[in-house]
N, C-alpha and C. Protein backbone atom coordinates (compact mmCIF):
# COMPACT_ATOMS: atom_id res chain seq x y z
N UNK A 1 -28.11 12.39 -21.42
CA UNK A 1 -27.28 12.58 -20.24
C UNK A 1 -26.64 13.96 -20.33
N UNK A 2 -26.69 14.69 -19.23
CA UNK A 2 -26.15 16.04 -19.15
C UNK A 2 -24.73 16.00 -18.57
N UNK A 3 -24.01 17.10 -18.77
CA UNK A 3 -22.66 17.22 -18.23
C UNK A 3 -22.68 17.16 -16.70
N UNK A 4 -23.70 17.72 -16.09
CA UNK A 4 -23.83 17.67 -14.62
C UNK A 4 -23.95 16.23 -14.13
N UNK A 5 -24.63 15.38 -14.90
CA UNK A 5 -24.78 13.98 -14.53
C UNK A 5 -23.43 13.27 -14.55
N UNK A 6 -22.62 13.57 -15.56
CA UNK A 6 -21.29 12.97 -15.66
C UNK A 6 -20.42 13.45 -14.50
N UNK A 7 -20.52 14.75 -14.18
CA UNK A 7 -19.74 15.30 -13.07
C UNK A 7 -20.14 14.63 -11.76
N UNK A 8 -21.41 14.36 -11.57
CA UNK A 8 -21.87 13.67 -10.37
C UNK A 8 -21.31 12.26 -10.29
N UNK A 9 -21.26 11.57 -11.43
CA UNK A 9 -20.69 10.22 -11.45
C UNK A 9 -19.20 10.24 -11.12
N UNK A 10 -18.49 11.24 -11.63
CA UNK A 10 -17.05 11.36 -11.34
C UNK A 10 -16.85 11.58 -9.84
N UNK A 11 -17.64 12.45 -9.23
CA UNK A 11 -17.53 12.69 -7.79
C UNK A 11 -17.84 11.42 -7.00
N UNK A 12 -18.86 10.71 -7.40
CA UNK A 12 -19.23 9.48 -6.74
C UNK A 12 -18.08 8.46 -6.79
N UNK A 13 -17.50 8.31 -7.96
CA UNK A 13 -16.38 7.38 -8.12
C UNK A 13 -15.19 7.81 -7.28
N UNK A 14 -14.90 9.11 -7.26
CA UNK A 14 -13.76 9.63 -6.52
C UNK A 14 -13.90 9.41 -5.02
N UNK A 15 -15.11 9.57 -4.49
CA UNK A 15 -15.33 9.46 -3.05
C UNK A 15 -15.54 8.02 -2.58
N UNK A 16 -15.77 7.11 -3.49
CA UNK A 16 -16.07 5.73 -3.10
C UNK A 16 -14.83 4.85 -3.26
N UNK A 17 -14.95 3.63 -2.78
CA UNK A 17 -13.87 2.65 -2.96
C UNK A 17 -14.04 1.88 -4.27
N UNK A 18 -15.05 2.24 -5.05
CA UNK A 18 -15.27 1.59 -6.34
C UNK A 18 -14.14 1.95 -7.29
N UNK A 19 -13.87 1.05 -8.24
CA UNK A 19 -12.85 1.34 -9.24
C UNK A 19 -13.47 1.56 -10.62
N UNK A 20 -14.78 1.29 -10.75
CA UNK A 20 -15.43 1.46 -12.05
C UNK A 20 -16.93 1.72 -11.85
N UNK A 21 -17.44 2.64 -12.66
CA UNK A 21 -18.88 2.92 -12.69
C UNK A 21 -19.30 2.92 -14.15
N UNK A 22 -20.39 2.24 -14.42
CA UNK A 22 -20.94 2.19 -15.77
C UNK A 22 -22.39 2.65 -15.71
N UNK A 23 -22.76 3.55 -16.62
CA UNK A 23 -24.12 4.08 -16.65
C UNK A 23 -24.54 4.22 -18.11
N UNK A 24 -25.78 3.83 -18.38
CA UNK A 24 -26.30 4.00 -19.74
C UNK A 24 -27.78 4.34 -19.67
N UNK A 25 -28.22 5.11 -20.65
CA UNK A 25 -29.64 5.40 -20.82
C UNK A 25 -29.96 5.24 -22.30
N UNK A 26 -31.10 5.75 -22.73
CA UNK A 26 -31.54 5.56 -24.11
C UNK A 26 -30.58 6.16 -25.13
N UNK A 27 -29.92 7.27 -24.77
CA UNK A 27 -29.12 8.02 -25.75
C UNK A 27 -27.61 7.90 -25.57
N UNK A 28 -27.16 7.47 -24.42
CA UNK A 28 -25.71 7.49 -24.19
C UNK A 28 -25.29 6.40 -23.22
N UNK A 29 -23.97 6.18 -23.19
CA UNK A 29 -23.38 5.22 -22.28
C UNK A 29 -22.07 5.81 -21.76
N UNK A 30 -21.86 5.72 -20.44
CA UNK A 30 -20.64 6.26 -19.83
C UNK A 30 -20.02 5.17 -18.96
N UNK A 31 -18.73 4.97 -19.12
CA UNK A 31 -17.98 4.05 -18.28
C UNK A 31 -16.80 4.83 -17.71
N UNK A 32 -16.73 4.90 -16.37
CA UNK A 32 -15.63 5.59 -15.69
C UNK A 32 -14.82 4.57 -14.92
N UNK A 33 -13.49 4.63 -15.08
CA UNK A 33 -12.60 3.70 -14.38
C UNK A 33 -11.55 4.50 -13.62
N UNK A 34 -11.23 3.99 -12.44
CA UNK A 34 -10.22 4.64 -11.60
C UNK A 34 -9.07 3.67 -11.42
N UNK A 35 -7.84 4.13 -11.68
CA UNK A 35 -6.66 3.31 -11.45
C UNK A 35 -6.26 3.43 -10.00
N UNK A 36 -5.92 2.32 -9.39
CA UNK A 36 -5.50 2.30 -8.00
C UNK A 36 -4.08 1.76 -7.95
N UNK A 37 -3.14 2.61 -7.53
CA UNK A 37 -1.73 2.23 -7.51
C UNK A 37 -1.27 1.71 -6.16
N UNK A 38 -1.96 2.06 -5.09
CA UNK A 38 -1.48 1.68 -3.76
C UNK A 38 -1.53 0.18 -3.52
N UNK A 39 -2.31 -0.55 -4.30
CA UNK A 39 -2.41 -1.99 -4.11
C UNK A 39 -1.51 -2.77 -5.06
N UNK A 40 -0.69 -2.06 -5.83
CA UNK A 40 0.17 -2.73 -6.79
C UNK A 40 1.21 -3.57 -6.05
N UNK A 41 1.45 -4.79 -6.50
CA UNK A 41 2.43 -5.64 -5.80
C UNK A 41 3.85 -5.10 -5.98
N UNK A 42 4.66 -5.32 -4.98
CA UNK A 42 6.06 -4.91 -5.04
C UNK A 42 6.88 -6.19 -5.20
N UNK A 43 7.71 -6.21 -6.21
CA UNK A 43 8.52 -7.39 -6.49
C UNK A 43 9.92 -7.16 -5.96
N UNK A 44 10.20 -7.79 -4.82
CA UNK A 44 11.50 -7.60 -4.19
C UNK A 44 12.62 -8.28 -4.98
N UNK A 45 12.30 -9.27 -5.78
CA UNK A 45 13.31 -9.97 -6.55
C UNK A 45 13.90 -9.10 -7.65
N UNK A 46 13.30 -7.99 -7.94
CA UNK A 46 13.76 -7.12 -9.01
C UNK A 46 14.75 -6.06 -8.52
N UNK A 47 15.07 -6.06 -7.23
CA UNK A 47 15.96 -5.06 -6.68
C UNK A 47 17.37 -5.29 -7.20
N UNK A 48 18.10 -4.22 -7.55
CA UNK A 48 19.48 -4.41 -8.02
C UNK A 48 20.37 -4.86 -6.87
N UNK A 49 21.35 -5.65 -7.18
CA UNK A 49 22.29 -6.14 -6.18
C UNK A 49 23.43 -5.15 -6.06
N UNK A 50 23.83 -4.88 -4.82
CA UNK A 50 24.92 -3.96 -4.56
C UNK A 50 26.23 -4.74 -4.50
N UNK A 51 27.28 -4.16 -5.08
CA UNK A 51 28.59 -4.78 -5.00
C UNK A 51 29.16 -4.55 -3.62
N UNK A 52 29.95 -5.48 -3.09
CA UNK A 52 30.54 -5.28 -1.77
C UNK A 52 31.45 -4.05 -1.79
N UNK A 53 31.45 -3.34 -0.68
CA UNK A 53 32.26 -2.13 -0.56
C UNK A 53 33.55 -2.49 0.16
N UNK A 54 34.67 -2.04 -0.37
CA UNK A 54 35.96 -2.30 0.26
C UNK A 54 36.03 -1.55 1.58
N UNK A 55 36.76 -2.11 2.52
CA UNK A 55 36.90 -1.47 3.83
C UNK A 55 37.63 -0.15 3.67
N UNK A 56 37.15 0.85 4.38
CA UNK A 56 37.78 2.17 4.34
C UNK A 56 38.88 2.25 5.37
N UNK A 57 39.85 3.10 5.11
CA UNK A 57 40.91 3.32 6.08
C UNK A 57 40.33 4.04 7.29
N UNK A 58 40.92 3.86 8.48
CA UNK A 58 40.43 4.56 9.65
C UNK A 58 40.45 6.07 9.42
N UNK A 59 39.52 6.77 10.05
CA UNK A 59 39.40 8.22 9.85
C UNK A 59 40.68 8.95 10.19
N UNK A 60 41.43 8.45 11.18
CA UNK A 60 42.67 9.13 11.56
C UNK A 60 43.74 9.01 10.49
N UNK A 61 43.67 8.00 9.62
CA UNK A 61 44.67 7.80 8.59
C UNK A 61 44.36 8.59 7.33
N UNK A 62 43.16 9.13 7.24
CA UNK A 62 42.77 9.86 6.05
C UNK A 62 43.15 11.32 6.25
N UNK A 63 44.00 11.87 5.37
CA UNK A 63 44.36 13.27 5.53
C UNK A 63 43.15 14.15 5.19
N UNK A 64 43.01 15.25 5.93
CA UNK A 64 41.92 16.17 5.63
C UNK A 64 42.46 17.58 5.64
N UNK A 65 41.78 18.41 4.89
CA UNK A 65 42.17 19.82 4.84
C UNK A 65 41.79 20.48 6.15
N UNK A 66 42.55 21.48 6.58
CA UNK A 66 42.20 22.16 7.82
C UNK A 66 40.82 22.78 7.71
N UNK A 67 40.02 22.63 8.76
CA UNK A 67 38.68 23.22 8.78
C UNK A 67 37.62 22.37 8.11
N UNK A 68 38.00 21.24 7.50
CA UNK A 68 37.03 20.36 6.85
C UNK A 68 36.77 19.17 7.76
N UNK A 69 35.51 18.94 8.08
CA UNK A 69 35.15 17.85 8.99
C UNK A 69 35.19 16.52 8.25
N UNK A 70 35.74 15.50 8.89
CA UNK A 70 35.73 14.17 8.32
C UNK A 70 34.37 13.55 8.61
N UNK A 71 33.98 12.49 7.90
CA UNK A 71 32.69 11.86 8.18
C UNK A 71 32.57 11.39 9.62
N UNK A 72 33.66 10.89 10.20
CA UNK A 72 33.63 10.43 11.59
C UNK A 72 33.39 11.61 12.53
N UNK A 73 34.05 12.74 12.26
CA UNK A 73 33.86 13.92 13.09
C UNK A 73 32.44 14.46 12.97
N UNK A 74 31.90 14.42 11.75
CA UNK A 74 30.53 14.89 11.54
C UNK A 74 29.55 13.98 12.28
N UNK A 75 29.78 12.68 12.26
CA UNK A 75 28.91 11.74 12.97
C UNK A 75 28.99 11.96 14.48
N UNK A 76 30.20 12.22 14.97
CA UNK A 76 30.37 12.47 16.41
C UNK A 76 29.67 13.76 16.81
N UNK A 77 29.76 14.79 15.97
CA UNK A 77 29.09 16.06 16.26
C UNK A 77 27.58 15.88 16.25
N UNK A 78 27.07 15.10 15.31
CA UNK A 78 25.63 14.86 15.23
C UNK A 78 25.16 14.07 16.45
N UNK A 79 25.94 13.10 16.90
CA UNK A 79 25.58 12.31 18.08
C UNK A 79 25.58 13.19 19.32
N UNK A 80 26.57 14.09 19.42
CA UNK A 80 26.62 15.00 20.57
C UNK A 80 25.42 15.94 20.56
N UNK A 81 25.09 16.45 19.37
CA UNK A 81 23.94 17.36 19.26
C UNK A 81 22.65 16.63 19.63
N UNK A 82 22.52 15.39 19.19
CA UNK A 82 21.30 14.62 19.48
C UNK A 82 21.17 14.32 20.97
N UNK A 83 22.31 14.15 21.66
CA UNK A 83 22.23 13.84 23.08
C UNK A 83 21.84 15.06 23.90
N UNK A 84 22.17 16.27 23.45
CA UNK A 84 21.84 17.48 24.19
C UNK A 84 20.40 17.94 23.94
N UNK A 85 19.88 17.63 22.77
CA UNK A 85 18.58 18.15 22.37
C UNK A 85 17.58 17.03 22.16
N UNK A 86 16.31 17.35 22.37
CA UNK A 86 15.24 16.40 22.07
C UNK A 86 14.73 16.72 20.68
N UNK A 87 14.62 15.71 19.86
CA UNK A 87 14.11 15.90 18.50
C UNK A 87 12.60 15.76 18.50
N UNK A 88 11.94 16.75 17.96
CA UNK A 88 10.48 16.70 17.82
C UNK A 88 10.20 16.23 16.40
N UNK A 89 9.52 15.10 16.25
CA UNK A 89 9.29 14.52 14.93
C UNK A 89 7.84 14.67 14.50
N UNK A 90 7.63 14.54 13.20
CA UNK A 90 6.30 14.65 12.64
C UNK A 90 5.47 13.42 12.99
N UNK A 91 4.25 13.62 13.51
CA UNK A 91 3.40 12.49 13.84
C UNK A 91 2.60 11.98 12.65
N UNK A 92 2.78 12.61 11.48
CA UNK A 92 1.98 12.24 10.31
C UNK A 92 2.65 12.66 9.02
N UNK A 93 2.09 12.22 7.92
CA UNK A 93 2.52 12.64 6.59
C UNK A 93 1.70 13.85 6.19
N UNK A 94 2.35 14.85 5.63
CA UNK A 94 1.62 16.05 5.21
C UNK A 94 2.56 17.14 4.77
N UNK A 95 2.06 18.38 4.79
CA UNK A 95 2.86 19.56 4.42
C UNK A 95 3.10 20.40 5.66
N UNK A 96 4.37 20.73 5.91
CA UNK A 96 4.78 21.50 7.09
C UNK A 96 4.56 22.99 6.82
N UNK A 97 3.89 23.65 7.76
CA UNK A 97 3.73 25.10 7.71
C UNK A 97 4.27 25.69 9.01
N UNK A 98 5.18 26.64 8.90
CA UNK A 98 5.81 27.25 10.07
C UNK A 98 4.90 28.28 10.73
N UNK A 99 3.93 28.83 9.98
CA UNK A 99 3.05 29.86 10.53
C UNK A 99 1.59 29.46 10.34
N UNK A 100 0.72 30.19 11.04
CA UNK A 100 -0.70 29.86 11.00
C UNK A 100 -1.39 30.35 9.73
N UNK A 101 -0.78 31.31 9.03
CA UNK A 101 -1.33 31.79 7.77
C UNK A 101 -0.20 32.39 6.94
N UNK A 102 -0.37 32.49 5.62
CA UNK A 102 0.67 33.06 4.79
C UNK A 102 0.98 34.50 5.23
N UNK A 103 2.25 34.81 5.34
CA UNK A 103 2.66 36.15 5.72
C UNK A 103 2.75 36.37 7.22
N UNK A 104 2.21 35.46 8.02
CA UNK A 104 2.26 35.58 9.48
C UNK A 104 3.65 35.13 9.96
N UNK A 105 4.09 35.63 11.11
CA UNK A 105 5.39 35.18 11.63
C UNK A 105 5.33 33.70 12.01
N UNK A 106 6.50 33.08 12.00
CA UNK A 106 6.59 31.66 12.34
C UNK A 106 6.14 31.44 13.79
N UNK A 107 5.48 30.32 14.02
CA UNK A 107 5.02 29.98 15.36
C UNK A 107 6.18 29.65 16.29
N UNK A 108 7.27 29.12 15.75
CA UNK A 108 8.44 28.77 16.54
C UNK A 108 9.70 29.12 15.76
N UNK A 109 10.59 29.88 16.39
CA UNK A 109 11.83 30.29 15.74
C UNK A 109 13.02 29.88 16.59
N UNK A 110 14.18 29.78 15.97
CA UNK A 110 15.39 29.42 16.69
C UNK A 110 15.63 30.44 17.81
N UNK A 111 15.90 29.93 19.00
CA UNK A 111 16.15 30.78 20.16
C UNK A 111 14.91 31.07 20.98
N UNK A 112 13.74 30.73 20.47
CA UNK A 112 12.49 31.00 21.19
C UNK A 112 12.31 29.99 22.32
N UNK A 113 11.79 30.47 23.44
CA UNK A 113 11.46 29.58 24.55
C UNK A 113 10.03 29.10 24.36
N UNK A 114 9.85 27.79 24.46
CA UNK A 114 8.52 27.21 24.28
C UNK A 114 8.13 26.45 25.53
N UNK A 115 6.84 26.30 25.71
CA UNK A 115 6.29 25.56 26.85
C UNK A 115 5.60 24.31 26.33
N UNK A 116 5.48 23.31 27.17
CA UNK A 116 4.77 22.09 26.79
C UNK A 116 3.33 22.46 26.44
N UNK A 117 2.85 21.94 25.31
CA UNK A 117 1.49 22.23 24.85
C UNK A 117 1.40 23.41 23.90
N UNK A 118 2.50 24.13 23.72
CA UNK A 118 2.49 25.29 22.80
C UNK A 118 2.56 24.81 21.36
N UNK A 119 1.77 25.43 20.48
CA UNK A 119 1.75 25.06 19.06
C UNK A 119 3.04 25.54 18.42
N UNK A 120 3.76 24.61 17.75
CA UNK A 120 5.02 24.94 17.11
C UNK A 120 4.91 25.07 15.60
N UNK A 121 3.97 24.34 15.01
CA UNK A 121 3.80 24.37 13.56
C UNK A 121 2.45 23.76 13.22
N UNK A 122 2.16 23.74 11.93
CA UNK A 122 0.93 23.13 11.43
C UNK A 122 1.32 22.16 10.34
N UNK A 123 0.71 20.98 10.36
CA UNK A 123 0.91 20.02 9.27
C UNK A 123 -0.44 19.78 8.62
N UNK A 124 -0.48 20.08 7.33
CA UNK A 124 -1.71 19.87 6.57
C UNK A 124 -1.70 18.44 6.03
N UNK A 125 -2.75 17.71 6.33
CA UNK A 125 -2.89 16.35 5.84
C UNK A 125 -4.33 16.19 5.35
N UNK A 126 -4.48 15.90 4.08
CA UNK A 126 -5.80 15.69 3.48
C UNK A 126 -6.71 16.90 3.71
N UNK A 127 -6.18 18.08 3.50
CA UNK A 127 -6.91 19.35 3.60
C UNK A 127 -7.33 19.68 5.03
N UNK A 128 -6.74 19.01 6.00
CA UNK A 128 -7.02 19.30 7.41
C UNK A 128 -5.76 19.87 8.02
N UNK A 129 -5.89 21.02 8.69
CA UNK A 129 -4.76 21.67 9.33
C UNK A 129 -4.62 21.13 10.76
N UNK A 130 -3.52 20.46 11.04
CA UNK A 130 -3.26 19.84 12.34
C UNK A 130 -2.20 20.64 13.08
N UNK A 131 -2.56 21.19 14.24
CA UNK A 131 -1.60 21.93 15.05
C UNK A 131 -0.71 20.94 15.78
N UNK A 132 0.59 21.12 15.66
CA UNK A 132 1.56 20.24 16.31
C UNK A 132 2.10 20.98 17.53
N UNK A 133 1.90 20.38 18.71
CA UNK A 133 2.28 21.01 19.96
C UNK A 133 3.57 20.42 20.50
N UNK A 134 4.30 21.24 21.25
CA UNK A 134 5.52 20.79 21.91
C UNK A 134 5.14 19.87 23.06
N UNK A 135 5.90 18.82 23.24
CA UNK A 135 5.63 17.92 24.36
C UNK A 135 6.55 18.20 25.55
N UNK A 136 7.37 19.25 25.45
CA UNK A 136 8.23 19.64 26.57
C UNK A 136 8.52 21.13 26.51
N UNK A 137 8.99 21.66 27.63
CA UNK A 137 9.41 23.06 27.69
C UNK A 137 10.89 23.13 27.39
N UNK A 138 11.30 24.21 26.73
CA UNK A 138 12.72 24.37 26.42
C UNK A 138 12.94 25.49 25.42
N UNK A 139 14.11 25.46 24.79
CA UNK A 139 14.50 26.47 23.82
C UNK A 139 14.70 25.79 22.47
N UNK A 140 14.15 26.36 21.43
CA UNK A 140 14.30 25.80 20.09
C UNK A 140 15.71 26.10 19.60
N UNK A 141 16.45 25.04 19.33
CA UNK A 141 17.83 25.18 18.86
C UNK A 141 17.92 25.09 17.34
N UNK A 142 16.96 24.38 16.71
CA UNK A 142 17.02 24.22 15.27
C UNK A 142 15.63 23.93 14.72
N UNK A 143 15.29 24.61 13.62
CA UNK A 143 14.09 24.29 12.85
C UNK A 143 14.62 23.50 11.66
N UNK A 144 14.25 22.23 11.57
CA UNK A 144 14.87 21.31 10.62
C UNK A 144 14.16 21.21 9.28
N UNK A 145 12.99 21.85 9.14
CA UNK A 145 12.20 21.72 7.92
C UNK A 145 11.84 23.12 7.42
N UNK A 146 11.94 23.32 6.12
CA UNK A 146 11.57 24.60 5.52
C UNK A 146 10.05 24.70 5.40
N UNK A 147 9.55 25.92 5.42
CA UNK A 147 8.11 26.16 5.30
C UNK A 147 7.57 25.57 4.00
N UNK A 148 6.38 25.02 4.07
CA UNK A 148 5.66 24.45 2.92
C UNK A 148 6.38 23.25 2.31
N UNK A 149 7.08 22.50 3.15
CA UNK A 149 7.81 21.32 2.70
C UNK A 149 7.02 20.06 3.06
N UNK A 150 6.94 19.10 2.14
CA UNK A 150 6.29 17.84 2.49
C UNK A 150 7.13 17.10 3.54
N UNK A 151 6.45 16.52 4.53
CA UNK A 151 7.13 15.73 5.56
C UNK A 151 6.48 14.36 5.66
N UNK A 152 7.23 13.41 6.16
CA UNK A 152 6.73 12.06 6.38
C UNK A 152 6.69 11.79 7.88
N UNK A 153 6.03 10.72 8.24
CA UNK A 153 5.99 10.31 9.64
C UNK A 153 7.43 10.11 10.12
N UNK A 154 7.77 10.72 11.25
CA UNK A 154 9.10 10.55 11.82
C UNK A 154 10.12 11.57 11.37
N UNK A 155 9.78 12.46 10.44
CA UNK A 155 10.71 13.50 10.00
C UNK A 155 10.99 14.43 11.18
N UNK A 156 12.27 14.75 11.41
CA UNK A 156 12.62 15.66 12.50
C UNK A 156 12.20 17.07 12.11
N UNK A 157 11.33 17.68 12.93
CA UNK A 157 10.84 19.04 12.67
C UNK A 157 11.66 20.08 13.43
N UNK A 158 11.92 19.81 14.72
CA UNK A 158 12.62 20.75 15.58
C UNK A 158 13.58 20.00 16.48
N UNK A 159 14.64 20.69 16.90
CA UNK A 159 15.51 20.21 17.97
C UNK A 159 15.35 21.20 19.11
N UNK A 160 14.98 20.67 20.28
CA UNK A 160 14.68 21.52 21.43
C UNK A 160 15.62 21.17 22.59
N UNK A 161 16.22 22.20 23.19
CA UNK A 161 17.04 22.00 24.39
C UNK A 161 16.11 22.08 25.59
N UNK A 162 15.89 20.96 26.28
CA UNK A 162 14.98 20.98 27.43
C UNK A 162 15.45 21.95 28.51
N UNK A 163 14.48 22.57 29.19
CA UNK A 163 14.84 23.48 30.28
C UNK A 163 14.32 22.97 31.61
């Protein structure tokens, strides 16, 4: 058996749904096994139990330093921001790219006016570059993800003020 033969078996195992390949001839024997983690059972009974949290004082009763936002104020500001802007979320899991190639300017920047159907970013998933288009016209108010960052389905990519 040659090294090329073993390499071919490894590729075959990698591309197939098989978890094991065994091959033998007169002079040698090769057994290749692939571990599969995605089918591992999840045991919910093993989750740690959280202790009850004591009730917090109302936000108005908590003293705060001038210029420091309280959690309630931050939540109110986030809710106000969300109501003014439409959040564009990732339709898939992959890697976020702000530009079409390394060194190129970003496809969408804060303050830029975009039209429906315009490409805003690229998400690479399984070595395939997927152009993500805007579904509305407006002005980009916030780019929420850094370049070359992994994203999940539903991750907020942009906040757009509709026009």
